[in-house]
Amino acid sequence: MPSFLISDLQHYIASEALVPNSITIELPDFRIEISSNSASLLEILKTYFNPVLCSKPSRTAPSLKIKAYESDQFIDRGIQWQDWKREAGKSGRKDSFIDIQEANETQRLIYKVKTGVLFWQKEDTPTAVGPVEENPNQIINFILTQYLNENLRQGWLLGHAAGLEINHKGIAIAGLSGGGKSTLMLHLLEYGEHFISNDRLLLNAQKTTRPGHFRMRGIPKQPRINPGTIVHNKRLHSLISAERRQELLAMPTETLRQLEEKYDADVNKIYHSACFKAEAALDAFVILNWQPDSQQSTQLRHTSLNQSPELLEAILKSPGPFYSDEKRVFLANQTQPDPADYLELLGEIPCFELTGKIDFKKASDLVRKAIQTL
């Protein structure tokens, strides 16, 4: 076991003084303090997490402290990293990991192959070391993963879905990667009240005396959208230059749809100042089961997961290599969620399945009409 790597990290952290400043974010039942030796990283995080930022000091201790160190000191030293298997539709190396036993605790090191950021996932102060200033989005994900982990330990389920409130109803939108969850969610948000989440959604039974009612909690991560979403949505045009928009519009439709060029959409600036909402009721699922090359018109079918269990595949989402359960046992590689857990919780929630060709305007009209029946 490469315990020397833990020793290297401990020695580095002991010798590296953090700047005295930190930021704290407030999420439902969970407060996270983030400190770093990089003032510029903290400024980026402060701006990004502005909707959930604690502006005043609290006498209550944070639920968790996270540290992020800007450093170029990473020594591989021949470690036999294991690649984390990626979900269907994703290719290439992304995360490598190794588990290490320290005292009475199993700790996990996760190495980002493309960027060189090393994450030390442990119960006491999860830590990131490496070129953190160049990769703030990975630090944002690391912070939010800790919130996700805590909720999963409390019995929430993780869904591969976007979420919003529209007509005072909580709607989750699920579909395989690239299916258009974010695009449809942003179209519907034109008529809605609140953005809840973009790609990962926590799901649970409502903790009240109202059986059959459910809650969803969002991961406060701004929608990361592709250019194809931006060029056809007037509200989003400010995210790119007019010249770039014309270049994109000149591309073939399928080329534009497949283009990986992510942009953050700050919903509180683009829609309204209180657009993000951390938690809401969950009243229905919209399942995207359409195809870009379909010759059929866009249609909507009312069903449920008990009636159409094949749709569950679009909702299932693995927590990934950072997750450890309430006993602090890390998730094994290739472990997939148990569909039975989701059916037991969500089997009777109304579902609206979209089929046929991809048409966001028609889909938005169909979904808004269907919501009126809830």
Protein backbone atom coordinates (compact mmCIF):
# COMPACT_ATOMS: atom_id res chain seq x y z
CA MET A 1 0.00 0.00 0.00
CA PRO A 2 1.41 3.42 -0.96
CA SER A 3 1.15 4.90 2.52
CA PHE A 4 4.10 7.09 1.56
CA LEU A 5 1.68 9.14 -0.56
CA ILE A 6 -0.45 9.87 2.50
CA SER A 7 2.75 10.82 4.34
CA ASP A 8 3.69 13.15 1.48
CA LEU A 9 0.28 14.79 1.63
CA GLN A 10 0.37 15.15 5.41
CA HIS A 11 3.86 16.66 5.26
CA TYR A 12 2.86 19.06 2.48
CA ILE A 13 -0.30 20.21 4.26
CA ALA A 14 1.56 20.69 7.54
CA SER A 15 4.11 22.91 5.80
CA GLU A 16 1.62 24.91 3.72
CA ALA A 17 -0.16 27.74 5.49
CA LEU A 18 -3.69 28.42 4.31
CA VAL A 19 -4.74 31.99 3.80
CA PRO A 20 -6.77 33.15 6.80
CA ASN A 21 -9.86 33.70 4.67
CA SER A 22 -12.46 31.07 3.89
CA ILE A 23 -16.02 30.93 2.62
CA THR A 24 -19.02 29.06 4.00
CA ILE A 25 -22.04 27.87 2.08
CA GLU A 26 -25.41 27.01 3.61
CA LEU A 27 -27.44 24.12 2.18
CA PRO A 28 -30.47 22.33 3.67
CA ASP A 29 -29.31 20.77 6.96
CA PHE A 30 -25.65 21.12 5.93
CA ARG A 31 -23.09 23.93 6.18
CA ILE A 32 -19.69 23.63 4.44
CA GLU A 33 -16.61 25.76 5.12
CA ILE A 34 -14.02 25.91 2.31
CA SER A 35 -10.52 27.24 2.85
CA SER A 36 -7.61 27.49 0.43
CA ASN A 37 -4.12 28.89 -0.01
CA SER A 38 -5.41 30.39 -3.27
CA ALA A 39 -7.22 33.71 -2.85
CA SER A 40 -8.22 33.65 -6.53
CA LEU A 41 -9.89 30.25 -6.16
CA LEU A 42 -11.87 31.48 -3.16
CA GLU A 43 -13.05 34.48 -5.16
CA ILE A 44 -14.27 32.19 -7.95
CA LEU A 45 -16.07 29.99 -5.42
CA LYS A 46 -17.57 33.01 -3.69
CA THR A 47 -19.07 34.23 -6.96
CA TYR A 48 -20.24 30.79 -8.04
CA PHE A 49 -21.91 29.93 -4.73
CA ASN A 50 -23.37 33.39 -4.19
CA PRO A 51 -27.00 32.13 -3.90
CA VAL A 52 -26.04 29.88 -0.96
CA LEU A 53 -23.17 31.92 0.49
CA CYS A 54 -23.20 32.70 4.22
CA SER A 55 -22.65 36.44 4.35
CA LYS A 56 -22.36 36.65 8.15
CA PRO A 57 -20.25 34.62 10.58
CA SER A 58 -22.18 31.91 12.42
CA ARG A 59 -21.70 30.74 15.98
CA THR A 60 -22.60 27.24 14.83
CA ALA A 61 -19.70 25.09 13.67
CA PRO A 62 -19.83 23.98 10.02
CA SER A 63 -21.02 20.45 9.29
CA LEU A 64 -17.84 19.86 7.28
CA LYS A 65 -14.57 21.62 6.49
CA ILE A 66 -12.92 21.25 3.07
CA LYS A 67 -9.44 22.37 2.05
CA ALA A 68 -8.09 23.06 -1.43
CA TYR A 69 -4.35 23.59 -1.96
CA GLU A 70 -2.83 25.08 -5.09
CA SER A 71 0.31 23.03 -5.62
CA ASP A 72 2.53 21.55 -8.33
CA GLN A 73 3.91 18.93 -5.95
CA PHE A 74 2.43 15.62 -6.94
CA ILE A 75 4.68 12.57 -7.02
CA ASP A 76 3.20 9.55 -8.80
CA ARG A 77 6.08 7.23 -7.82
CA GLY A 78 4.71 4.25 -9.72
CA ILE A 79 1.34 3.98 -7.97
CA GLN A 80 -0.93 1.39 -9.55
CA TRP A 81 -4.05 3.50 -9.92
CA GLN A 82 -7.33 1.78 -10.79
CA ASP A 83 -9.51 3.49 -13.39
CA TRP A 84 -13.07 4.20 -12.30
CA LYS A 85 -15.47 2.76 -14.88
CA ARG A 86 -17.48 5.52 -16.52
CA GLU A 87 -21.23 5.45 -17.15
CA ALA A 88 -22.74 4.29 -20.44
CA GLY A 89 -22.06 6.66 -23.31
CA LYS A 90 -18.89 8.13 -21.77
CA SER A 91 -15.40 7.17 -22.97
CA GLY A 92 -11.79 7.99 -22.10
CA ARG A 93 -9.97 7.99 -18.78
CA LYS A 94 -11.30 10.45 -16.23
CA ASP A 95 -10.90 9.28 -12.61
CA SER A 96 -8.34 6.90 -11.14
CA PHE A 97 -8.37 5.86 -7.51
CA ILE A 98 -6.74 3.84 -4.79
CA ASP A 99 -7.95 2.94 -1.29
CA ILE A 100 -5.61 3.22 1.68
CA GLN A 101 -6.09 2.04 5.25
CA GLU A 102 -5.09 4.73 7.75
CA ALA A 103 -5.52 3.82 11.42
CA ASN A 104 -9.15 2.62 11.68
CA GLU A 105 -10.34 4.43 8.58
CA THR A 106 -10.33 3.55 4.91
CA GLN A 107 -9.48 6.62 2.86
CA ARG A 108 -9.68 7.03 -0.89
CA LEU A 109 -7.40 8.99 -3.18
CA ILE A 110 -8.97 10.04 -6.48
CA TYR A 111 -6.70 11.37 -9.21
CA LYS A 112 -8.08 13.39 -12.11
CA VAL A 113 -6.15 11.99 -15.05
CA LYS A 114 -6.58 14.96 -17.40
CA THR A 115 -5.95 17.80 -14.95
CA GLY A 116 -3.62 16.35 -12.29
CA VAL A 117 -5.82 17.37 -9.34
CA LEU A 118 -5.60 14.88 -6.46
CA PHE A 119 -8.54 14.47 -4.07
CA TRP A 120 -8.13 12.97 -0.62
CA GLN A 121 -11.55 11.67 0.39
CA LYS A 122 -11.61 11.13 4.15
CA GLU A 123 -14.05 11.63 6.98
CA ASP A 124 -12.04 14.44 8.57
CA THR A 125 -11.52 17.39 6.20
CA PRO A 126 -11.73 16.20 2.58
CA THR A 127 -8.84 17.80 0.72
CA ALA A 128 -7.88 18.71 -2.85
CA VAL A 129 -4.26 19.24 -3.91
CA GLY A 130 -2.92 20.27 -7.31
CA PRO A 131 -3.63 22.88 -10.00
CA VAL A 132 -6.90 23.93 -8.36
CA GLU A 133 -6.82 27.48 -9.73
CA GLU A 134 -6.91 26.16 -13.30
CA ASN A 135 -9.71 23.72 -12.51
CA PRO A 136 -12.26 25.45 -10.27
CA ASN A 137 -15.11 23.39 -11.69
CA GLN A 138 -13.53 20.24 -10.26
CA ILE A 139 -13.32 21.88 -6.84
CA ILE A 140 -16.97 22.93 -7.15
CA ASN A 141 -17.90 19.32 -7.93
CA PHE A 142 -15.80 18.09 -4.99
CA ILE A 143 -17.59 20.44 -2.60
CA LEU A 144 -21.04 19.48 -3.85
CA THR A 145 -20.19 15.78 -3.74
CA GLN A 146 -19.78 16.06 0.04
CA TYR A 147 -23.33 17.44 0.28
CA LEU A 148 -24.61 14.70 -1.98
CA ASN A 149 -22.86 12.03 0.12
CA GLU A 150 -24.41 13.30 3.34
CA ASN A 151 -27.91 13.18 1.88
CA LEU A 152 -27.41 9.67 0.51
CA ARG A 153 -26.36 8.56 3.99
CA GLN A 154 -29.65 9.99 5.26
CA GLY A 155 -31.68 7.82 2.89
CA TRP A 156 -32.12 10.06 -0.14
CA LEU A 157 -31.72 8.53 -3.61
CA LEU A 158 -29.68 10.07 -6.41
CA GLY A 159 -31.42 10.69 -9.72
CA HIS A 160 -29.88 11.54 -13.09
CA ALA A 161 -32.29 14.41 -13.59
CA ALA A 162 -32.82 18.14 -13.81
CA GLY A 163 -35.44 19.78 -11.62
CA LEU A 164 -37.57 22.92 -11.58
CA GLU A 165 -40.77 24.39 -10.18
CA ILE A 166 -43.37 25.40 -12.73
CA ASN A 167 -46.97 26.36 -11.99
CA HIS A 168 -46.04 25.63 -8.37
CA LYS A 169 -45.39 21.97 -9.23
CA GLY A 170 -42.06 20.21 -8.80
CA ILE A 171 -40.94 18.53 -12.03
CA ALA A 172 -37.91 16.29 -12.55
CA ILE A 173 -36.60 15.78 -16.10
CA ALA A 174 -34.62 12.58 -16.72
CA GLY A 175 -32.90 11.15 -19.77
CA LEU A 176 -29.63 9.60 -20.82
CA SER A 177 -26.60 11.90 -21.24
CA GLY A 178 -27.05 14.18 -24.22
CA GLY A 179 -30.81 13.67 -24.30
CA GLY A 180 -31.62 17.32 -23.66
CA LYS A 181 -32.49 17.49 -19.94
CA SER A 182 -30.87 20.88 -19.45
CA THR A 183 -32.25 22.33 -22.68
CA LEU A 184 -35.84 21.34 -21.93
CA MET A 185 -35.50 22.47 -18.33
CA LEU A 186 -34.35 25.93 -19.46
CA HIS A 187 -37.20 26.15 -21.99
CA LEU A 188 -39.70 25.33 -19.25
CA LEU A 189 -38.04 27.74 -16.84
CA GLU A 190 -39.31 30.56 -19.06
CA TYR A 191 -42.74 29.75 -17.62
CA GLY A 192 -41.58 28.50 -14.21
CA GLU A 193 -40.70 29.89 -10.82
CA HIS A 194 -37.53 28.14 -9.67
CA PHE A 195 -34.51 26.17 -10.87
CA ILE A 196 -33.74 23.23 -8.55
CA SER A 197 -30.97 21.22 -10.22
CA ASN A 198 -29.35 20.57 -13.58
CA ASP A 199 -28.08 17.00 -13.74
CA ARG A 200 -28.19 15.39 -10.29
CA LEU A 201 -31.28 15.39 -8.13
CA LEU A 202 -31.79 14.00 -4.64
CA LEU A 203 -35.12 12.22 -4.16
CA ASN A 204 -36.96 11.24 -0.99
CA ALA A 205 -40.36 10.74 0.58
CA GLN A 206 -41.64 13.91 2.19
CA LYS A 207 -40.91 13.89 5.90
CA THR A 208 -44.42 14.87 6.96
CA THR A 209 -47.66 13.11 7.74
CA ARG A 210 -48.66 13.28 4.07
CA PRO A 211 -48.05 9.77 2.63
CA GLY A 212 -47.42 9.62 -1.08
CA HIS A 213 -45.79 13.05 -1.25
CA PHE A 214 -42.16 13.48 -2.20
CA ARG A 215 -39.31 15.96 -2.02
CA MET A 216 -36.40 16.77 -4.30
CA ARG A 217 -33.19 18.52 -3.34
CA GLY A 218 -30.97 20.13 -5.89
CA ILE A 219 -27.22 20.25 -6.20
CA PRO A 220 -26.50 24.02 -6.42
CA LYS A 221 -24.47 23.72 -9.60
CA GLN A 222 -25.19 26.10 -12.43
CA PRO A 223 -26.42 24.46 -15.64
CA ARG A 224 -23.45 23.60 -17.86
CA ILE A 225 -24.85 23.80 -21.34
CA ASN A 226 -23.65 23.14 -24.87
CA PRO A 227 -23.63 25.76 -27.66
CA GLY A 228 -26.59 24.08 -29.38
CA THR A 229 -28.74 25.01 -26.40
CA ILE A 230 -27.51 28.62 -26.37
CA VAL A 231 -27.93 29.53 -30.04
CA HIS A 232 -31.63 28.59 -30.11
CA ASN A 233 -32.62 30.21 -26.82
CA LYS A 234 -32.71 34.02 -26.97
CA ARG A 235 -32.40 34.40 -23.20
CA LEU A 236 -29.04 32.58 -23.31
CA HIS A 237 -27.47 34.49 -26.21
CA SER A 238 -25.41 36.70 -23.87
CA LEU A 239 -23.29 33.67 -22.89
CA ILE A 240 -21.44 33.79 -26.23
CA SER A 241 -20.44 36.50 -28.70
CA ALA A 242 -22.60 37.31 -31.71
CA GLU A 243 -19.75 36.21 -33.98
CA ARG A 244 -19.48 32.82 -32.26
CA ARG A 245 -23.24 32.35 -32.49
CA GLN A 246 -23.14 32.85 -36.26
CA GLU A 247 -20.28 30.34 -36.55
CA LEU A 248 -22.28 27.81 -34.59
CA LEU A 249 -25.47 28.35 -36.56
CA ALA A 250 -23.54 27.61 -39.76
CA MET A 251 -22.67 24.12 -38.52
CA PRO A 252 -24.72 21.06 -39.54
CA THR A 253 -27.41 20.35 -36.94
CA GLU A 254 -25.93 17.05 -35.76
CA THR A 255 -22.39 18.51 -35.55
CA LEU A 256 -23.69 21.33 -33.37
CA ARG A 257 -25.66 18.92 -31.20
CA GLN A 258 -22.57 16.80 -30.52
CA LEU A 259 -20.22 19.75 -29.87
CA GLU A 260 -18.71 19.62 -26.38
CA GLU A 261 -18.12 23.26 -25.42
CA LYS A 262 -19.63 23.85 -22.00
CA TYR A 263 -20.86 27.19 -20.65
CA ASP A 264 -22.14 27.97 -17.15
CA ALA A 265 -25.60 29.55 -17.07
CA ASP A 266 -26.12 31.55 -13.88
CA VAL A 267 -29.90 31.25 -13.55
CA ASN A 268 -30.11 33.96 -10.88
CA LYS A 269 -28.69 36.46 -13.38
CA ILE A 270 -30.34 35.13 -16.52
CA TYR A 271 -33.88 34.59 -15.16
CA HIS A 272 -34.42 36.35 -11.81
CA SER A 273 -32.46 36.99 -8.62
CA ALA A 274 -34.19 34.28 -6.57
CA CYS A 275 -34.39 31.67 -9.32
CA PHE A 276 -32.39 28.96 -7.53
CA LYS A 277 -34.28 27.04 -4.85
CA ALA A 278 -32.54 24.35 -2.82
CA GLU A 279 -35.50 22.06 -2.19
CA ALA A 280 -39.07 21.58 -3.41
CA ALA A 281 -41.93 19.13 -3.66
CA LEU A 282 -41.64 16.48 -6.37
CA ASP A 283 -44.91 16.02 -8.27
CA ALA A 284 -43.95 14.30 -11.54
CA PHE A 285 -41.17 13.03 -13.79
CA VAL A 286 -40.66 13.89 -17.44
CA ILE A 287 -38.70 11.08 -19.14
CA LEU A 288 -36.94 11.89 -22.42
CA ASN A 289 -37.17 8.84 -24.65
CA TRP A 290 -36.96 10.62 -27.98
CA GLN A 291 -34.44 10.40 -30.85
CA PRO A 292 -32.86 13.10 -33.05
CA ASP A 293 -33.38 11.01 -36.22
CA SER A 294 -36.98 9.95 -35.48
CA GLN A 295 -39.55 10.52 -38.21
CA GLN A 296 -42.38 10.53 -35.66
CA SER A 297 -43.82 13.71 -34.23
CA THR A 298 -43.03 14.59 -30.62
CA GLN A 299 -45.58 12.93 -28.34
CA LEU A 300 -46.23 12.68 -24.61
CA ARG A 301 -47.56 9.61 -22.80
CA HIS A 302 -48.84 9.59 -19.22
CA THR A 303 -47.52 6.56 -17.29
CA SER A 304 -45.69 5.59 -14.09
CA LEU A 305 -42.48 3.70 -13.32
CA ASN A 306 -44.51 0.75 -12.06
CA GLN A 307 -46.31 0.63 -15.40
CA SER A 308 -43.16 1.32 -17.46
CA PRO A 309 -40.14 0.08 -15.43
CA GLU A 310 -37.94 0.24 -18.55
CA LEU A 311 -37.91 4.03 -18.13
CA LEU A 312 -36.09 3.68 -14.83
CA GLU A 313 -32.76 3.40 -16.66
CA ALA A 314 -32.94 7.12 -17.44
CA ILE A 315 -33.19 8.00 -13.73
CA LEU A 316 -30.58 5.70 -12.16
CA LYS A 317 -27.32 7.43 -11.23
CA SER A 318 -24.25 6.07 -9.45
CA PRO A 319 -22.80 8.36 -6.73
CA GLY A 320 -19.31 7.72 -8.12
CA PRO A 321 -15.88 7.12 -6.59
CA PHE A 322 -16.17 9.81 -3.86
CA TYR A 323 -19.10 8.16 -2.09
CA SER A 324 -18.87 6.21 1.15
CA ASP A 325 -21.92 5.01 3.07
CA GLU A 326 -22.95 5.71 6.68
CA LYS A 327 -20.36 3.13 7.82
CA ARG A 328 -17.78 4.94 5.68
CA VAL A 329 -17.43 2.02 3.28
CA PHE A 330 -16.51 3.29 -0.18
CA LEU A 331 -18.49 2.34 -3.24
CA ALA A 332 -16.80 -0.47 -5.17
CA ASN A 333 -15.89 0.09 -8.81
CA GLN A 334 -18.70 -0.68 -11.30
CA THR A 335 -21.33 -0.76 -8.52
CA GLN A 336 -24.68 0.26 -9.96
CA PRO A 337 -27.77 1.51 -8.09
CA ASP A 338 -30.44 -1.05 -7.25
CA PRO A 339 -33.53 -0.36 -9.42
CA ALA A 340 -35.74 -1.92 -6.72
CA ASP A 341 -34.91 0.95 -4.35
CA TYR A 342 -36.14 3.47 -6.90
CA LEU A 343 -39.27 1.56 -7.79
CA GLU A 344 -40.17 1.20 -4.13
CA LEU A 345 -39.90 4.96 -3.62
CA LEU A 346 -41.00 6.37 -6.97
CA GLY A 347 -43.13 3.68 -8.58
CA GLU A 348 -46.42 5.58 -8.45
CA ILE A 349 -45.22 9.13 -9.15
CA PRO A 350 -46.81 10.41 -12.40
CA CYS A 351 -44.45 10.16 -15.36
CA PHE A 352 -44.72 11.91 -18.72
CA GLU A 353 -42.73 10.08 -21.40
CA LEU A 354 -41.65 12.14 -24.41
CA THR A 355 -41.13 10.14 -27.61
CA GLY A 356 -40.67 10.82 -31.31
CA LYS A 357 -38.33 13.48 -32.65
CA ILE A 358 -36.52 16.04 -30.50
CA ASP A 359 -38.56 19.25 -30.56
CA PHE A 360 -38.08 21.41 -27.47
CA LYS A 361 -40.80 23.93 -28.25
CA LYS A 362 -43.45 21.28 -28.77
CA ALA A 363 -42.18 19.34 -25.75
CA SER A 364 -42.45 22.46 -23.60
CA ASP A 365 -46.06 22.96 -24.75
CA LEU A 366 -46.96 19.32 -24.11
CA VAL A 367 -45.38 19.24 -20.65
CA ARG A 368 -47.01 22.51 -19.55
CA LYS A 369 -50.39 21.21 -20.64
CA ALA A 370 -49.81 17.88 -18.83
CA ILE A 371 -48.81 19.64 -15.61
CA GLN A 372 -52.27 21.19 -15.45
CA THR A 373 -53.67 17.70 -14.81
CA LEU A 374 -51.63 17.14 -11.64
